[in-house]
Amino acid sequence: MRGVRLYIVVGTPGSGKDELVRAVRILGETHAGVVPKHTSRARQADDGDEMICSDDEGYDLASCQITYANFEERYGIRTDQVWDRLRHGVSQVLVVSNAEAIRELLAEFDSFVTLLYVHSVVTEADFTRQAEERGYTEEYSRERIEKYWDAFDVYVRNIRAFDHVLIHAADNEDLYDQIFRLFRAYERGLAGAG
């Protein structure tokens, strides 16, 4: 299973995590698949198919081996499905910013894990402006700001655990280029040895 990885992606809201998932889903199926997460919340307009929401067919939070809370909602990951895909030679990408869930994933998948942090400078004013543009409430903006600092805190407190940092400073194409170069480096054995 050389080069097969579980890429755990951590990042703040607005950092580009969703763009990475879309790129992997559209362009990267030859490199990696996206791990779906089950969530107790209802589907939202910007959810992709990496989320299996409480109102979706196939939702089964009880079957998830790793569960965690994010604000008032529960999330879950089927580690048995991740192992199955890894055994079949398919690397996986999983977005998680909960510190305890990351610790459980590191314990479960150990040497298969590549821990990535996606960084982008997003200000509180950006979140407020975005909420206003999209017609979201002020509470939504405050939650996004809180999630930003929570995810950044996970990175700062565990900086030595992260294998790579991707910088989302320009357009999305630059971010896509970074992740696909990283995939190729692991596939060719140029990264991760040692």
Protein backbone atom coordinates (compact mmCIF):
# COMPACT_ATOMS: atom_id res chain seq x y z
CA MET A 1 0.00 0.00 0.00
CA ARG A 2 2.91 2.31 -0.76
CA GLY A 3 1.85 5.92 -1.22
CA VAL A 4 -1.69 5.28 0.06
CA ARG A 5 -2.58 7.97 2.59
CA LEU A 6 -5.36 9.37 4.71
CA TYR A 7 -5.00 13.12 4.25
CA ILE A 8 -6.64 14.84 7.20
CA VAL A 9 -7.33 18.46 6.28
CA VAL A 10 -7.66 21.05 9.02
CA GLY A 11 -8.38 24.69 8.33
CA THR A 12 -10.32 27.72 9.34
CA PRO A 13 -13.63 28.71 7.77
CA GLY A 14 -12.84 30.42 4.49
CA SER A 15 -9.42 28.78 4.21
CA GLY A 16 -10.24 26.78 1.08
CA LYS A 17 -11.12 23.37 2.56
CA ASP A 18 -14.35 23.18 0.56
CA GLU A 19 -12.51 24.14 -2.63
CA LEU A 20 -9.97 21.37 -2.00
CA VAL A 21 -12.74 18.82 -1.49
CA ARG A 22 -14.43 19.93 -4.72
CA ALA A 23 -11.15 19.70 -6.62
CA VAL A 24 -10.45 16.21 -5.28
CA ARG A 25 -13.99 15.14 -6.08
CA ILE A 26 -13.90 16.52 -9.64
CA LEU A 27 -10.27 16.19 -10.69
CA GLY A 28 -8.59 13.95 -8.23
CA GLU A 29 -10.45 10.65 -8.08
CA THR A 30 -7.36 9.02 -9.59
CA HIS A 31 -5.36 10.31 -6.61
CA ALA A 32 -7.82 10.18 -3.70
CA GLY A 33 -11.43 9.88 -2.66
CA VAL A 34 -13.30 12.06 -0.20
CA VAL A 35 -14.40 10.54 3.12
CA PRO A 36 -18.07 11.32 3.76
CA LYS A 37 -19.04 12.48 7.23
CA HIS A 38 -22.41 11.82 8.84
CA THR A 39 -23.97 14.79 10.64
CA SER A 40 -27.01 15.23 12.84
CA ARG A 41 -27.89 18.53 11.19
CA ALA A 42 -30.14 19.04 8.19
CA ARG A 43 -28.61 19.58 4.75
CA GLN A 44 -27.49 23.12 3.97
CA ALA A 45 -27.29 24.74 0.55
CA ASP A 46 -23.49 24.64 0.37
CA ASP A 47 -23.09 21.02 1.52
CA GLY A 48 -21.49 18.73 -0.98
CA ASP A 49 -21.82 14.99 -1.14
CA GLU A 50 -19.04 14.63 1.43
CA MET A 51 -21.76 15.31 4.02
CA ILE A 52 -24.45 12.77 4.83
CA CYS A 53 -27.01 14.82 6.71
CA SER A 54 -29.81 13.69 9.01
CA ASP A 55 -32.37 14.23 6.24
CA ASP A 56 -30.37 12.25 3.63
CA GLU A 57 -30.81 8.66 2.57
CA GLY A 58 -27.94 6.64 4.01
CA TYR A 59 -27.59 8.73 7.14
CA ASP A 60 -26.40 6.49 9.98
CA LEU A 61 -24.50 8.35 12.69
CA ALA A 62 -24.87 5.34 15.01
CA SER A 63 -22.64 3.23 12.73
CA CYS A 64 -19.76 5.72 12.90
CA GLN A 65 -16.75 4.58 14.92
CA ILE A 66 -15.56 8.15 15.57
CA THR A 67 -18.07 10.81 16.58
CA TYR A 68 -17.60 14.34 17.80
CA ALA A 69 -19.52 17.55 18.50
CA ASN A 70 -19.22 20.78 16.59
CA PHE A 71 -21.34 23.43 18.27
CA GLU A 72 -24.75 21.79 18.80
CA GLU A 73 -24.40 19.18 16.06
CA ARG A 74 -22.86 15.69 16.02
CA TYR A 75 -20.55 14.40 13.30
CA GLY A 76 -19.32 10.91 12.60
CA ILE A 77 -16.75 9.05 10.53
CA ARG A 78 -17.01 5.41 9.40
CA THR A 79 -13.42 4.24 9.93
CA ASP A 80 -14.30 0.79 8.58
CA GLN A 81 -15.08 2.37 5.19
CA VAL A 82 -11.86 4.39 5.26
CA TRP A 83 -9.85 1.21 5.98
CA ASP A 84 -11.64 -0.60 3.15
CA ARG A 85 -10.70 2.10 0.63
CA LEU A 86 -7.11 2.29 1.88
CA ARG A 87 -6.78 -1.51 1.54
CA HIS A 88 -7.99 -1.17 -2.05
CA GLY A 89 -5.18 1.32 -2.72
CA VAL A 90 -7.29 4.48 -2.68
CA SER A 91 -5.97 7.41 -0.66
CA GLN A 92 -8.62 9.37 1.22
CA VAL A 93 -9.17 13.06 2.05
CA LEU A 94 -11.05 13.94 5.22
CA VAL A 95 -11.81 17.44 6.52
CA VAL A 96 -11.87 17.59 10.34
CA SER A 97 -11.09 20.48 12.67
CA ASN A 98 -12.07 18.87 15.97
CA ALA A 99 -8.95 18.17 18.08
CA GLU A 100 -10.30 15.04 19.79
CA ALA A 101 -11.48 13.52 16.49
CA ILE A 102 -8.05 14.22 14.99
CA ARG A 103 -6.37 12.45 17.94
CA GLU A 104 -8.64 9.43 17.45
CA LEU A 105 -7.90 9.37 13.72
CA LEU A 106 -4.14 9.59 14.36
CA ALA A 107 -4.39 6.69 16.81
CA GLU A 108 -6.50 4.61 14.42
CA PHE A 109 -4.64 5.22 11.16
CA ASP A 110 -1.15 5.99 12.54
CA SER A 111 1.43 5.74 9.75
CA PHE A 112 -1.20 6.21 7.00
CA VAL A 113 -2.02 9.76 8.12
CA THR A 114 -0.74 12.92 6.52
CA LEU A 115 -1.97 15.89 8.54
CA LEU A 116 -2.48 19.08 6.51
CA TYR A 117 -3.32 22.60 7.58
CA VAL A 118 -4.87 24.95 5.02
CA HIS A 119 -4.16 28.56 5.85
CA SER A 120 -5.77 31.69 4.49
CA VAL A 121 -5.95 35.11 6.02
CA VAL A 122 -9.61 35.85 6.59
CA THR A 123 -10.61 38.74 8.81
CA GLU A 124 -13.64 39.15 11.02
CA ALA A 125 -14.77 41.90 8.65
CA ASP A 126 -14.67 39.34 5.80
CA PHE A 127 -17.04 37.05 7.72
CA THR A 128 -19.38 39.93 8.55
CA ARG A 129 -19.42 41.14 4.92
CA GLN A 130 -20.00 37.58 3.65
CA ALA A 131 -22.89 37.08 6.06
CA GLU A 132 -24.48 40.35 4.92
CA GLU A 133 -24.02 39.50 1.22
CA ARG A 134 -25.63 36.09 1.68
CA GLY A 135 -28.40 37.28 3.97
CA TYR A 136 -27.13 35.30 6.97
CA THR A 137 -27.68 36.41 10.53
CA GLU A 138 -25.17 38.17 12.74
CA GLU A 139 -25.13 35.01 14.87
CA TYR A 140 -23.92 33.04 11.83
CA SER A 141 -21.06 35.48 11.40
CA ARG A 142 -20.12 35.16 15.09
CA GLU A 143 -20.16 31.33 14.81
CA ARG A 144 -17.86 31.46 11.76
CA ILE A 145 -15.46 33.73 13.63
CA GLU A 146 -15.49 31.36 16.61
CA LYS A 147 -14.86 28.36 14.32
CA TYR A 148 -11.98 30.28 12.72
CA TRP A 149 -10.22 30.73 16.05
CA ASP A 150 -11.02 27.15 17.15
CA ALA A 151 -9.42 25.67 14.01
CA PHE A 152 -6.43 27.99 14.21
CA ASP A 153 -5.99 27.00 17.87
CA VAL A 154 -5.91 23.30 16.88
CA TYR A 155 -3.06 24.11 14.51
CA VAL A 156 -1.10 26.31 16.93
CA ARG A 157 -1.39 23.87 19.85
CA ASN A 158 -0.36 20.92 17.67
CA ILE A 159 1.96 22.54 15.15
CA ARG A 160 4.57 19.76 15.37
CA ALA A 161 1.99 17.12 14.46
CA PHE A 162 1.24 18.71 11.06
CA ASP A 163 3.10 17.33 8.08
CA HIS A 164 2.35 20.14 5.62
CA VAL A 165 0.77 23.57 5.39
CA LEU A 166 -1.04 24.64 2.23
CA ILE A 167 -1.36 28.38 1.67
CA HIS A 168 -4.51 29.72 0.05
CA ALA A 169 -3.31 33.22 -0.75
CA ALA A 170 -4.14 33.60 -4.41
CA ASP A 171 -6.71 31.94 -6.62
CA ASN A 172 -8.10 28.45 -6.16
CA GLU A 173 -5.92 27.06 -8.95
CA ASP A 174 -2.82 27.65 -6.83
CA LEU A 175 -4.38 25.71 -3.95
CA TYR A 176 -5.33 22.85 -6.30
CA ASP A 177 -1.78 22.76 -7.62
CA GLN A 178 -0.41 22.44 -4.08
CA ILE A 179 -2.62 19.48 -3.12
CA PHE A 180 -2.06 17.58 -6.37
CA ARG A 181 1.71 18.07 -6.16
CA LEU A 182 1.51 16.68 -2.64
CA PHE A 183 -0.50 13.67 -3.83
CA ARG A 184 2.07 12.96 -6.53
CA ALA A 185 4.98 13.28 -4.07
CA TYR A 186 3.45 10.63 -1.78
CA GLU A 187 2.45 8.38 -4.70
CA ARG A 188 6.01 8.43 -6.01
CA GLY A 189 7.54 7.87 -2.57
CA LEU A 190 9.16 11.30 -2.53
CA ALA A 191 7.35 12.36 0.67
CA GLY A 192 6.48 10.57 3.87
CA ALA A 193 9.46 8.23 4.09
CA GLY A 194 11.14 8.17 7.44
